[in-house]
Amino acid sequence: MLDKIKLFLALLIIAVGISGFYLLAEMPQVVRVGAFIASLIIAALVALTSGTGKTFAAYVRESWIELKKVVWPTRKETIQSTGLVLAFVFVMAVFLWGVDWILASIIRVLMGVEA
């Protein structure tokens, strides 16, 4: 129950931040945006104290650890893979254009329409 209250409070803080953004219309834009961002940060801190927030924080930490384990391709491998994909797309486009042209020609002949 306490977790639900914390999450509701976080949503309420965000709603107050949105309202404050519009109520501070006469203030400079940087103040309005700063107040809204501050409300988002405070809401995030409140939400992270809940059980759901702690679970989410653990998930983000574990994901970051897994991301560090990824072996990213080198620049050369990336360029080669991209070139291969582009070549395949070009070949498929020409193939599909040819199939379309043949089928359209057959239909024109069957309908007796001159091109």
PDB file of N, CA and C in Angstrom:
ATOM      1  N   MET A   1       0.825  -1.193   0.000  1.00  0.00           N
ATOM      2  CA  MET A   1       0.000   0.000   0.000  1.00  0.00           C
ATOM      3  C   MET A   1       0.873   1.263   0.000  1.00  0.00           C
ATOM      4  N   LEU A   2       1.978   1.210   0.753  1.00  0.00           N
ATOM      5  CA  LEU A   2       2.869   2.362   0.827  1.00  0.00           C
ATOM      6  C   LEU A   2       3.511   2.636  -0.531  1.00  0.00           C
ATOM      7  N   ASP A   3       3.797   1.547  -1.280  1.00  0.00           N
ATOM      8  CA  ASP A   3       4.370   1.722  -2.612  1.00  0.00           C
ATOM      9  C   ASP A   3       3.401   2.459  -3.532  1.00  0.00           C
ATOM     10  N   LYS A   4       2.127   2.109  -3.458  1.00  0.00           N
ATOM     11  CA  LYS A   4       1.123   2.772  -4.294  1.00  0.00           C
ATOM     12  C   LYS A   4       1.025   4.255  -3.943  1.00  0.00           C
ATOM     13  N   ILE A   5       1.132   4.563  -2.667  1.00  0.00           N
ATOM     14  CA  ILE A   5       1.074   5.964  -2.232  1.00  0.00           C
ATOM     15  C   ILE A   5       2.277   6.722  -2.782  1.00  0.00           C
ATOM     16  N   LYS A   6       3.450   6.097  -2.720  1.00  0.00           N
ATOM     17  CA  LYS A   6       4.656   6.747  -3.240  1.00  0.00           C
ATOM     18  C   LYS A   6       4.547   6.989  -4.740  1.00  0.00           C
ATOM     19  N   LEU A   7       4.050   6.004  -5.481  1.00  0.00           N
ATOM     20  CA  LEU A   7       3.897   6.177  -6.924  1.00  0.00           C
ATOM     21  C   LEU A   7       2.849   7.235  -7.246  1.00  0.00           C
ATOM     22  N   PHE A   8       1.755   7.263  -6.473  1.00  0.00           N
ATOM     23  CA  PHE A   8       0.748   8.303  -6.661  1.00  0.00           C
ATOM     24  C   PHE A   8       1.336   9.671  -6.354  1.00  0.00           C
ATOM     25  N   LEU A   9       2.135   9.768  -5.315  1.00  0.00           N
ATOM     26  CA  LEU A   9       2.779  11.032  -4.967  1.00  0.00           C
ATOM     27  C   LEU A   9       3.714  11.479  -6.088  1.00  0.00           C
ATOM     28  N   ALA A  10       4.431  10.542  -6.689  1.00  0.00           N
ATOM     29  CA  ALA A  10       5.319  10.878  -7.804  1.00  0.00           C
ATOM     30  C   ALA A  10       4.510  11.424  -8.979  1.00  0.00           C
ATOM     31  N   LEU A  11       3.394  10.798  -9.287  1.00  0.00           N
ATOM     32  CA  LEU A  11       2.528  11.299 -10.368  1.00  0.00           C
ATOM     33  C   LEU A  11       1.964  12.670 -10.026  1.00  0.00           C
ATOM     34  N   LEU A  12       1.625  12.861  -8.765  1.00  0.00           N
ATOM     35  CA  LEU A  12       1.109  14.161  -8.330  1.00  0.00           C
ATOM     36  C   LEU A  12       2.176  15.241  -8.474  1.00  0.00           C
ATOM     37  N   ILE A  13       3.415  14.910  -8.152  1.00  0.00           N
ATOM     38  CA  ILE A  13       4.512  15.878  -8.294  1.00  0.00           C
ATOM     39  C   ILE A  13       4.697  16.241  -9.774  1.00  0.00           C
ATOM     40  N   ILE A  14       4.593  15.268 -10.653  1.00  0.00           N
ATOM     41  CA  ILE A  14       4.696  15.556 -12.088  1.00  0.00           C
ATOM     42  C   ILE A  14       3.542  16.454 -12.524  1.00  0.00           C
ATOM     43  N   ALA A  15       2.345  16.185 -12.044  1.00  0.00           N
ATOM     44  CA  ALA A  15       1.189  17.011 -12.396  1.00  0.00           C
ATOM     45  C   ALA A  15       1.381  18.443 -11.899  1.00  0.00           C
ATOM     46  N   VAL A  16       1.929  18.593 -10.713  1.00  0.00           N
ATOM     47  CA  VAL A  16       2.211  19.926 -10.182  1.00  0.00           C
ATOM     48  C   VAL A  16       3.260  20.617 -11.047  1.00  0.00           C
ATOM     49  N   GLY A  17       4.272  19.868 -11.500  1.00  0.00           N
ATOM     50  CA  GLY A  17       5.292  20.440 -12.372  1.00  0.00           C
ATOM     51  C   GLY A  17       4.706  20.918 -13.694  1.00  0.00           C
ATOM     52  N   ILE A  18       3.806  20.132 -14.266  1.00  0.00           N
ATOM     53  CA  ILE A  18       3.158  20.538 -15.517  1.00  0.00           C
ATOM     54  C   ILE A  18       2.301  21.771 -15.286  1.00  0.00           C
ATOM     55  N   SER A  19       1.536  21.762 -14.209  1.00  0.00           N
ATOM     56  CA  SER A  19       0.702  22.926 -13.891  1.00  0.00           C
ATOM     57  C   SER A  19       1.556  24.165 -13.653  1.00  0.00           C
ATOM     58  N   GLY A  20       2.648  23.977 -12.924  1.00  0.00           N
ATOM     59  CA  GLY A  20       3.547  25.097 -12.655  1.00  0.00           C
ATOM     60  C   GLY A  20       4.133  25.669 -13.932  1.00  0.00           C
ATOM     61  N   PHE A  21       4.423  24.813 -14.899  1.00  0.00           N
ATOM     62  CA  PHE A  21       4.958  25.272 -16.180  1.00  0.00           C
ATOM     63  C   PHE A  21       3.991  26.249 -16.832  1.00  0.00           C
ATOM     64  N   TYR A  22       2.706  25.945 -16.785  1.00  0.00           N
ATOM     65  CA  TYR A  22       1.728  26.825 -17.422  1.00  0.00           C
ATOM     66  C   TYR A  22       1.349  28.008 -16.540  1.00  0.00           C
ATOM     67  N   LEU A  23       1.387  27.827 -15.209  1.00  0.00           N
ATOM     68  CA  LEU A  23       1.045  28.938 -14.320  1.00  0.00           C
ATOM     69  C   LEU A  23       2.149  29.991 -14.269  1.00  0.00           C
ATOM     70  N   LEU A  24       3.373  29.606 -14.570  1.00  0.00           N
ATOM     71  CA  LEU A  24       4.490  30.544 -14.565  1.00  0.00           C
ATOM     72  C   LEU A  24       4.714  31.133 -15.965  1.00  0.00           C
ATOM     73  N   ALA A  25       3.643  31.403 -16.669  1.00  0.00           N
ATOM     74  CA  ALA A  25       3.734  31.869 -18.055  1.00  0.00           C
ATOM     75  C   ALA A  25       4.484  33.192 -18.176  1.00  0.00           C
ATOM     76  N   GLU A  26       4.430  34.038 -17.149  1.00  0.00           N
ATOM     77  CA  GLU A  26       5.094  35.341 -17.220  1.00  0.00           C
ATOM     78  C   GLU A  26       6.589  35.248 -16.910  1.00  0.00           C
ATOM     79  N   MET A  27       7.037  34.114 -16.425  1.00  0.00           N
ATOM     80  CA  MET A  27       8.449  33.923 -16.097  1.00  0.00           C
ATOM     81  C   MET A  27       9.239  33.559 -17.360  1.00  0.00           C
ATOM     82  N   PRO A  28      10.561  33.754 -17.321  1.00  0.00           N
ATOM     83  CA  PRO A  28      11.375  33.346 -18.481  1.00  0.00           C
ATOM     84  C   PRO A  28      11.252  31.835 -18.742  1.00  0.00           C
ATOM     85  N   GLN A  29      11.415  31.470 -19.993  1.00  0.00           N
ATOM     86  CA  GLN A  29      11.259  30.061 -20.399  1.00  0.00           C
ATOM     87  C   GLN A  29      12.204  29.142 -19.625  1.00  0.00           C
ATOM     88  N   VAL A  30      13.416  29.603 -19.364  1.00  0.00           N
ATOM     89  CA  VAL A  30      14.388  28.764 -18.668  1.00  0.00           C
ATOM     90  C   VAL A  30      13.920  28.438 -17.247  1.00  0.00           C
ATOM     91  N   VAL A  31      13.244  29.362 -16.603  1.00  0.00           N
ATOM     92  CA  VAL A  31      12.720  29.122 -15.251  1.00  0.00           C
ATOM     93  C   VAL A  31      11.600  28.098 -15.304  1.00  0.00           C
ATOM     94  N   ARG A  32      10.722  28.253 -16.287  1.00  0.00           N
ATOM     95  CA  ARG A  32       9.587  27.324 -16.425  1.00  0.00           C
ATOM     96  C   ARG A  32      10.069  25.909 -16.698  1.00  0.00           C
ATOM     97  N   VAL A  33      11.013  25.779 -17.631  1.00  0.00           N
ATOM     98  CA  VAL A  33      11.536  24.448 -17.966  1.00  0.00           C
ATOM     99  C   VAL A  33      12.320  23.885 -16.787  1.00  0.00           C
ATOM    100  N   GLY A  34      13.095  24.731 -16.114  1.00  0.00           N
ATOM    101  CA  GLY A  34      13.850  24.286 -14.949  1.00  0.00           C
ATOM    102  C   GLY A  34      12.941  23.761 -13.850  1.00  0.00           C
ATOM    103  N   ALA A  35      11.833  24.444 -13.616  1.00  0.00           N
ATOM    104  CA  ALA A  35      10.885  23.996 -12.593  1.00  0.00           C
ATOM    105  C   ALA A  35      10.270  22.647 -12.974  1.00  0.00           C
ATOM    106  N   PHE A  36       9.965  22.496 -14.262  1.00  0.00           N
ATOM    107  CA  PHE A  36       9.384  21.228 -14.709  1.00  0.00           C
ATOM    108  C   PHE A  36      10.396  20.095 -14.577  1.00  0.00           C
ATOM    109  N   ILE A  37      11.634  20.331 -14.986  1.00  0.00           N
ATOM    110  CA  ILE A  37      12.666  19.305 -14.868  1.00  0.00           C
ATOM    111  C   ILE A  37      12.925  18.964 -13.400  1.00  0.00           C
ATOM    112  N   ALA A  38      12.898  19.978 -12.542  1.00  0.00           N
ATOM    113  CA  ALA A  38      13.064  19.727 -11.106  1.00  0.00           C
ATOM    114  C   ALA A  38      11.943  18.837 -10.585  1.00  0.00           C
ATOM    115  N   SER A  39      10.712  19.076 -11.047  1.00  0.00           N
ATOM    116  CA  SER A  39       9.594  18.232 -10.603  1.00  0.00           C
ATOM    117  C   SER A  39       9.774  16.798 -11.094  1.00  0.00           C
ATOM    118  N   LEU A  40      10.312  16.626 -12.307  1.00  0.00           N
ATOM    119  CA  LEU A  40      10.558  15.271 -12.808  1.00  0.00           C
ATOM    120  C   LEU A  40      11.622  14.559 -11.969  1.00  0.00           C
ATOM    121  N   ILE A  41      12.661  15.285 -11.593  1.00  0.00           N
ATOM    122  CA  ILE A  41      13.730  14.685 -10.791  1.00  0.00           C
ATOM    123  C   ILE A  41      13.207  14.299  -9.412  1.00  0.00           C
ATOM    124  N   ILE A  42      12.456  15.199  -8.794  1.00  0.00           N
ATOM    125  CA  ILE A  42      11.900  14.901  -7.468  1.00  0.00           C
ATOM    126  C   ILE A  42      10.943  13.714  -7.547  1.00  0.00           C
ATOM    127  N   ALA A  43      10.101  13.687  -8.595  1.00  0.00           N
ATOM    128  CA  ALA A  43       9.167  12.570  -8.761  1.00  0.00           C
ATOM    129  C   ALA A  43       9.932  11.265  -8.956  1.00  0.00           C
ATOM    130  N   ALA A  44      11.014  11.292  -9.714  1.00  0.00           N
ATOM    131  CA  ALA A  44      11.809  10.082  -9.927  1.00  0.00           C
ATOM    132  C   ALA A  44      12.418   9.606  -8.616  1.00  0.00           C
ATOM    133  N   LEU A  45      12.918  10.536  -7.816  1.00  0.00           N
ATOM    134  CA  LEU A  45      13.502  10.153  -6.525  1.00  0.00           C
ATOM    135  C   LEU A  45      12.456   9.545  -5.604  1.00  0.00           C
ATOM    136  N   VAL A  46      11.255  10.107  -5.616  1.00  0.00           N
ATOM    137  CA  VAL A  46      10.179   9.551  -4.788  1.00  0.00           C
ATOM    138  C   VAL A  46       9.799   8.164  -5.302  1.00  0.00           C
ATOM    139  N   ALA A  47       9.672   8.025  -6.630  1.00  0.00           N
ATOM    140  CA  ALA A  47       9.278   6.740  -7.206  1.00  0.00           C
ATOM    141  C   ALA A  47      10.343   5.670  -6.956  1.00  0.00           C
ATOM    142  N   LEU A  48      11.618   6.065  -6.948  1.00  0.00           N
ATOM    143  CA  LEU A  48      12.682   5.085  -6.741  1.00  0.00           C
ATOM    144  C   LEU A  48      12.727   4.544  -5.319  1.00  0.00           C
ATOM    145  N   THR A  49      12.048   5.191  -4.384  1.00  0.00           N
ATOM    146  CA  THR A  49      12.004   4.665  -3.019  1.00  0.00           C
ATOM    147  C   THR A  49      10.949   3.574  -2.863  1.00  0.00           C
ATOM    148  N   SER A  50      10.083   3.406  -3.862  1.00  0.00           N
ATOM    149  CA  SER A  50       9.062   2.362  -3.793  1.00  0.00           C
ATOM    150  C   SER A  50       9.664   1.026  -4.207  1.00  0.00           C
ATOM    151  N   GLY A  51       8.951  -0.034  -3.947  1.00  0.00           N
ATOM    152  CA  GLY A  51       9.417  -1.364  -4.329  1.00  0.00           C
ATOM    153  C   GLY A  51       9.555  -1.494  -5.835  1.00  0.00           C
ATOM    154  N   THR A  52       8.590  -0.974  -6.566  1.00  0.00           N
ATOM    155  CA  THR A  52       8.644  -0.998  -8.021  1.00  0.00           C
ATOM    156  C   THR A  52       9.837  -0.192  -8.523  1.00  0.00           C
ATOM    157  N   GLY A  53      10.072   0.949  -7.901  1.00  0.00           N
ATOM    158  CA  GLY A  53      11.199   1.784  -8.291  1.00  0.00           C
ATOM    159  C   GLY A  53      12.530   1.105  -8.023  1.00  0.00           C
ATOM    160  N   LYS A  54      12.628   0.418  -6.895  1.00  0.00           N
ATOM    161  CA  LYS A  54      13.870  -0.300  -6.582  1.00  0.00           C
ATOM    162  C   LYS A  54      14.102  -1.435  -7.572  1.00  0.00           C
ATOM    163  N   THR A  55      13.024  -2.122  -7.940  1.00  0.00           N
ATOM    164  CA  THR A  55      13.136  -3.189  -8.939  1.00  0.00           C
ATOM    165  C   THR A  55      13.592  -2.613 -10.279  1.00  0.00           C
ATOM    166  N   PHE A  56      13.016  -1.482 -10.660  1.00  0.00           N
ATOM    167  CA  PHE A  56      13.394  -0.826 -11.915  1.00  0.00           C
ATOM    168  C   PHE A  56      14.847  -0.381 -11.876  1.00  0.00           C
ATOM    169  N   ALA A  57      15.283   0.182 -10.760  1.00  0.00           N
ATOM    170  CA  ALA A  57      16.672   0.625 -10.630  1.00  0.00           C
ATOM    171  C   ALA A  57      17.633  -0.564 -10.743  1.00  0.00           C
ATOM    172  N   ALA A  58      17.272  -1.687 -10.142  1.00  0.00           N
ATOM    173  CA  ALA A  58      18.105  -2.886 -10.237  1.00  0.00           C
ATOM    174  C   ALA A  58      18.170  -3.367 -11.686  1.00  0.00           C
ATOM    175  N   TYR A  59      17.039  -3.323 -12.375  1.00  0.00           N
ATOM    176  CA  TYR A  59      16.998  -3.724 -13.785  1.00  0.00           C
ATOM    177  C   TYR A  59      17.908  -2.832 -14.631  1.00  0.00           C
ATOM    178  N   VAL A  60      17.875  -1.519 -14.379  1.00  0.00           N
ATOM    179  CA  VAL A  60      18.719  -0.587 -15.134  1.00  0.00           C
ATOM    180  C   VAL A  60      20.189  -0.865 -14.849  1.00  0.00           C
ATOM    181  N   ARG A  61      20.539  -1.105 -13.589  1.00  0.00           N
ATOM    182  CA  ARG A  61      21.934  -1.413 -13.244  1.00  0.00           C
ATOM    183  C   ARG A  61      22.407  -2.691 -13.940  1.00  0.00           C
ATOM    184  N   GLU A  62      21.583  -3.726 -13.910  1.00  0.00           N
ATOM    185  CA  GLU A  62      21.947  -4.992 -14.544  1.00  0.00           C
ATOM    186  C   GLU A  62      22.054  -4.827 -16.062  1.00  0.00           C
ATOM    187  N   SER A  63      21.164  -4.035 -16.638  1.00  0.00           N
ATOM    188  CA  SER A  63      21.222  -3.787 -18.080  1.00  0.00           C
ATOM    189  C   SER A  63      22.493  -3.049 -18.445  1.00  0.00           C
ATOM    190  N   TRP A  64      22.894  -2.105 -17.622  1.00  0.00           N
ATOM    191  CA  TRP A  64      24.120  -1.344 -17.884  1.00  0.00           C
ATOM    192  C   TRP A  64      25.343  -2.264 -17.815  1.00  0.00           C
ATOM    193  N   ILE A  65      25.324  -3.171 -16.857  1.00  0.00           N
ATOM    194  CA  ILE A  65      26.423  -4.137 -16.736  1.00  0.00           C
ATOM    195  C   ILE A  65      26.477  -5.027 -17.980  1.00  0.00           C
ATOM    196  N   GLU A  66      25.323  -5.496 -18.440  1.00  0.00           N
ATOM    197  CA  GLU A  66      25.279  -6.327 -19.645  1.00  0.00           C
ATOM    198  C   GLU A  66      25.723  -5.538 -20.872  1.00  0.00           C
ATOM    199  N   LEU A  67      25.357  -4.265 -20.923  1.00  0.00           N
ATOM    200  CA  LEU A  67      25.742  -3.429 -22.055  1.00  0.00           C
ATOM    201  C   LEU A  67      27.255  -3.283 -22.138  1.00  0.00           C
ATOM    202  N   LYS A  68      27.910  -3.237 -20.989  1.00  0.00           N
ATOM    203  CA  LYS A  68      29.370  -3.144 -20.972  1.00  0.00           C
ATOM    204  C   LYS A  68      30.025  -4.422 -21.479  1.00  0.00           C
ATOM    205  N   LYS A  69      29.324  -5.549 -21.410  1.00  0.00           N
ATOM    206  CA  LYS A  69      29.866  -6.825 -21.855  1.00  0.00           C
ATOM    207  C   LYS A  69      29.781  -7.002 -23.378  1.00  0.00           C
ATOM    208  N   VAL A  70      28.988  -6.183 -24.031  1.00  0.00           N
ATOM    209  CA  VAL A  70      28.787  -6.329 -25.474  1.00  0.00           C
ATOM    210  C   VAL A  70      30.085  -6.018 -26.210  1.00  0.00           C
ATOM    211  N   VAL A  71      30.406  -6.871 -27.172  1.00  0.00           N
ATOM    212  CA  VAL A  71      31.566  -6.623 -28.026  1.00  0.00           C
ATOM    213  C   VAL A  71      31.047  -5.934 -29.276  1.00  0.00           C
ATOM    214  N   TRP A  72      31.303  -4.646 -29.373  1.00  0.00           N
ATOM    215  CA  TRP A  72      30.790  -3.870 -30.484  1.00  0.00           C
ATOM    216  C   TRP A  72      31.662  -4.097 -31.716  1.00  0.00           C
ATOM    217  N   PRO A  73      31.045  -4.088 -32.906  1.00  0.00           N
ATOM    218  CA  PRO A  73      31.840  -4.302 -34.125  1.00  0.00           C
ATOM    219  C   PRO A  73      32.777  -3.123 -34.381  1.00  0.00           C
ATOM    220  N   THR A  74      33.858  -3.434 -35.081  1.00  0.00           N
ATOM    221  CA  THR A  74      34.794  -2.372 -35.438  1.00  0.00           C
ATOM    222  C   THR A  74      34.189  -1.526 -36.551  1.00  0.00           C
ATOM    223  N   ARG A  75      34.832  -0.406 -36.840  1.00  0.00           N
ATOM    224  CA  ARG A  75      34.353   0.470 -37.898  1.00  0.00           C
ATOM    225  C   ARG A  75      34.347  -0.266 -39.243  1.00  0.00           C
ATOM    226  N   LYS A  76      35.388  -1.041 -39.488  1.00  0.00           N
ATOM    227  CA  LYS A  76      35.487  -1.778 -40.745  1.00  0.00           C
ATOM    228  C   LYS A  76      34.349  -2.796 -40.865  1.00  0.00           C
ATOM    229  N   GLU A  77      34.085  -3.545 -39.784  1.00  0.00           N
ATOM    230  CA  GLU A  77      33.003  -4.533 -39.808  1.00  0.00           C
ATOM    231  C   GLU A  77      31.649  -3.858 -40.026  1.00  0.00           C
ATOM    232  N   THR A  78      31.453  -2.708 -39.410  1.00  0.00           N
ATOM    233  CA  THR A  78      30.197  -1.982 -39.558  1.00  0.00           C
ATOM    234  C   THR A  78      30.007  -1.514 -40.996  1.00  0.00           C
ATOM    235  N   ILE A  79      31.057  -0.982 -41.590  1.00  0.00           N
ATOM    236  CA  ILE A  79      30.968  -0.505 -42.976  1.00  0.00           C
ATOM    237  C   ILE A  79      30.719  -1.673 -43.920  1.00  0.00           C
ATOM    238  N   GLN A  80      31.406  -2.791 -43.699  1.00  0.00           N
ATOM    239  CA  GLN A  80      31.207  -3.962 -44.550  1.00  0.00           C
ATOM    240  C   GLN A  80      29.785  -4.501 -44.434  1.00  0.00           C
ATOM    241  N   SER A  81      29.264  -4.590 -43.213  1.00  0.00           N
ATOM    242  CA  SER A  81      27.899  -5.081 -43.009  1.00  0.00           C
ATOM    243  C   SER A  81      26.886  -4.150 -43.654  1.00  0.00           C
ATOM    244  N   THR A  82      27.094  -2.843 -43.500  1.00  0.00           N
ATOM    245  CA  THR A  82      26.183  -1.872 -44.085  1.00  0.00           C
ATOM    246  C   THR A  82      26.208  -1.967 -45.606  1.00  0.00           C
ATOM    247  N   GLY A  83      27.403  -2.115 -46.171  1.00  0.00           N
ATOM    248  CA  GLY A  83      27.519  -2.260 -47.621  1.00  0.00           C
ATOM    249  C   GLY A  83      26.812  -3.503 -48.118  1.00  0.00           C
ATOM    250  N   LEU A  84      26.942  -4.600 -47.384  1.00  0.00           N
ATOM    251  CA  LEU A  84      26.281  -5.838 -47.760  1.00  0.00           C
ATOM    252  C   LEU A  84      24.762  -5.688 -47.724  1.00  0.00           C
ATOM    253  N   VAL A  85      24.262  -5.041 -46.700  1.00  0.00           N
ATOM    254  CA  VAL A  85      22.815  -4.820 -46.591  1.00  0.00           C
ATOM    255  C   VAL A  85      22.324  -3.940 -47.737  1.00  0.00           C
ATOM    256  N   LEU A  86      23.037  -2.869 -48.032  1.00  0.00           N
ATOM    257  CA  LEU A  86      22.633  -1.983 -49.125  1.00  0.00           C
ATOM    258  C   LEU A  86      22.672  -2.706 -50.471  1.00  0.00           C
ATOM    259  N   ALA A  87      23.688  -3.537 -50.682  1.00  0.00           N
ATOM    260  CA  ALA A  87      23.767  -4.305 -51.928  1.00  0.00           C
ATOM    261  C   ALA A  87      22.588  -5.266 -52.033  1.00  0.00           C
ATOM    262  N   PHE A  88      22.255  -5.943 -50.944  1.00  0.00           N
ATOM    263  CA  PHE A  88      21.125  -6.860 -50.953  1.00  0.00           C
ATOM    264  C   PHE A  88      19.819  -6.117 -51.234  1.00  0.00           C
ATOM    265  N   VAL A  89      19.640  -4.971 -50.625  1.00  0.00           N
ATOM    266  CA  VAL A  89      18.431  -4.174 -50.856  1.00  0.00           C
ATOM    267  C   VAL A  89      18.351  -3.770 -52.328  1.00  0.00           C
ATOM    268  N   PHE A  90      19.466  -3.362 -52.913  1.00  0.00           N
ATOM    269  CA  PHE A  90      19.481  -2.971 -54.325  1.00  0.00           C
ATOM    270  C   PHE A  90      19.110  -4.158 -55.218  1.00  0.00           C
ATOM    271  N   VAL A  91      19.715  -5.329 -54.947  1.00  0.00           N
ATOM    272  CA  VAL A  91      19.412  -6.524 -55.747  1.00  0.00           C
ATOM    273  C   VAL A  91      17.945  -6.896 -55.626  1.00  0.00           C
ATOM    274  N   MET A  92      17.409  -6.856 -54.422  1.00  0.00           N
ATOM    275  CA  MET A  92      15.995  -7.184 -54.229  1.00  0.00           C
ATOM    276  C   MET A  92      15.090  -6.173 -54.920  1.00  0.00           C
ATOM    277  N   ALA A  93      15.470  -4.890 -54.886  1.00  0.00           N
ATOM    278  CA  ALA A  93      14.666  -3.867 -55.559  1.00  0.00           C
ATOM    279  C   ALA A  93      14.633  -4.120 -57.062  1.00  0.00           C
ATOM    280  N   VAL A  94      15.782  -4.454 -57.656  1.00  0.00           N
ATOM    281  CA  VAL A  94      15.833  -4.745 -59.095  1.00  0.00           C
ATOM    282  C   VAL A  94      15.017  -5.995 -59.397  1.00  0.00           C
ATOM    283  N   PHE A  95      15.141  -7.026 -58.563  1.00  0.00           N
ATOM    284  CA  PHE A  95      14.376  -8.255 -58.762  1.00  0.00           C
ATOM    285  C   PHE A  95      12.874  -7.976 -58.713  1.00  0.00           C
ATOM    286  N   LEU A  96      12.423  -7.272 -57.689  1.00  0.00           N
ATOM    287  CA  LEU A  96      10.994  -6.980 -57.554  1.00  0.00           C
ATOM    288  C   LEU A  96      10.502  -6.078 -58.687  1.00  0.00           C
ATOM    289  N   TRP A  97      11.331  -5.137 -59.132  1.00  0.00           N
ATOM    290  CA  TRP A  97      10.962  -4.308 -60.271  1.00  0.00           C
ATOM    291  C   TRP A  97      10.771  -5.179 -61.512  1.00  0.00           C
ATOM    292  N   GLY A  98      11.693  -6.146 -61.710  1.00  0.00           N
ATOM    293  CA  GLY A  98      11.589  -7.045 -62.856  1.00  0.00           C
ATOM    294  C   GLY A  98      10.339  -7.901 -62.793  1.00  0.00           C
ATOM    295  N   VAL A  99      10.037  -8.466 -61.631  1.00  0.00           N
ATOM    296  CA  VAL A  99       8.833  -9.277 -61.470  1.00  0.00           C
ATOM    297  C   VAL A  99       7.599  -8.424 -61.728  1.00  0.00           C
ATOM    298  N   ASP A 100       7.576  -7.220 -61.202  1.00  0.00           N
ATOM    299  CA  ASP A 100       6.447  -6.322 -61.406  1.00  0.00           C
ATOM    300  C   ASP A 100       6.282  -5.996 -62.891  1.00  0.00           C
ATOM    301  N   TRP A 101       7.374  -5.724 -63.578  1.00  0.00           N
ATOM    302  CA  TRP A 101       7.320  -5.383 -64.991  1.00  0.00           C
ATOM    303  C   TRP A 101       6.798  -6.559 -65.814  1.00  0.00           C
ATOM    304  N   ILE A 102       7.273  -7.786 -65.495  1.00  0.00           N
ATOM    305  CA  ILE A 102       6.814  -8.979 -66.213  1.00  0.00           C
ATOM    306  C   ILE A 102       5.330  -9.211 -65.981  1.00  0.00           C
ATOM    307  N   LEU A 103       4.895  -9.131 -64.721  1.00  0.00           N
ATOM    308  CA  LEU A 103       3.473  -9.349 -64.421  1.00  0.00           C
ATOM    309  C   LEU A 103       2.599  -8.275 -65.063  1.00  0.00           C
ATOM    310  N   ALA A 104       3.052  -7.023 -65.049  1.00  0.00           N
ATOM    311  CA  ALA A 104       2.281  -5.953 -65.690  1.00  0.00           C
ATOM    312  C   ALA A 104       2.197  -6.177 -67.193  1.00  0.00           C
ATOM    313  N   SER A 105       3.277  -6.657 -67.800  1.00  0.00           N
ATOM    314  CA  SER A 105       3.266  -6.944 -69.235  1.00  0.00           C
ATOM    315  C   SER A 105       2.294  -8.068 -69.554  1.00  0.00           C
ATOM    316  N   ILE A 106       2.286  -9.118 -68.744  1.00  0.00           N
ATOM    317  CA  ILE A 106       1.355 -10.233 -68.952  1.00  0.00           C
ATOM    318  C   ILE A 106      -0.082  -9.751 -68.837  1.00  0.00           C
ATOM    319  N   ILE A 107      -0.367  -8.926 -67.854  1.00  0.00           N
ATOM    320  CA  ILE A 107      -1.729  -8.411 -67.669  1.00  0.00           C
ATOM    321  C   ILE A 107      -2.132  -7.528 -68.849  1.00  0.00           C
ATOM    322  N   ARG A 108      -1.202  -6.689 -69.329  1.00  0.00           N
ATOM    323  CA  ARG A 108      -1.507  -5.841 -70.491  1.00  0.00           C
ATOM    324  C   ARG A 108      -1.820  -6.696 -71.722  1.00  0.00           C
ATOM    325  N   VAL A 109      -1.074  -7.770 -71.921  1.00  0.00           N
ATOM    326  CA  VAL A 109      -1.311  -8.647 -73.068  1.00  0.00           C
ATOM    327  C   VAL A 109      -2.663  -9.312 -72.928  1.00  0.00           C
ATOM    328  N   LEU A 110      -2.984  -9.830 -71.741  1.00  0.00           N
ATOM    329  CA  LEU A 110      -4.255 -10.494 -71.510  1.00  0.00           C
ATOM    330  C   LEU A 110      -5.440  -9.545 -71.674  1.00  0.00           C
ATOM    331  N   MET A 111      -5.249  -8.275 -71.325  1.00  0.00           N
ATOM    332  CA  MET A 111      -6.343  -7.314 -71.447  1.00  0.00           C
ATOM    333  C   MET A 111      -6.357  -6.662 -72.815  1.00  0.00           C
ATOM    334  N   GLY A 112      -5.334  -6.886 -73.615  1.00  0.00           N
ATOM    335  CA  GLY A 112      -5.277  -6.324 -74.963  1.00  0.00           C
ATOM    336  C   GLY A 112      -4.990  -4.849 -74.970  1.00  0.00           C
ATOM    337  N   VAL A 113      -4.257  -4.371 -73.995  1.00  0.00           N
ATOM    338  CA  VAL A 113      -3.917  -2.953 -73.888  1.00  0.00           C
ATOM    339  C   VAL A 113      -2.524  -2.772 -74.426  1.00  0.00           C
ATOM    340  N   GLU A 114      -2.335  -1.771 -75.306  1.00  0.00           N
ATOM    341  CA  GLU A 114      -1.001  -1.456 -75.825  1.00  0.00           C
ATOM    342  C   GLU A 114      -0.298  -0.531 -74.848  1.00  0.00           C
ATOM    343  N   ALA A 115       0.982  -0.759 -74.666  1.00  0.00           N
ATOM    344  CA  ALA A 115       1.756   0.052 -73.726  1.00  0.00           C
ATOM    345  C   ALA A 115       2.199   1.348 -74.343  1.00  0.00           C
TER     346      ALA A 115
END
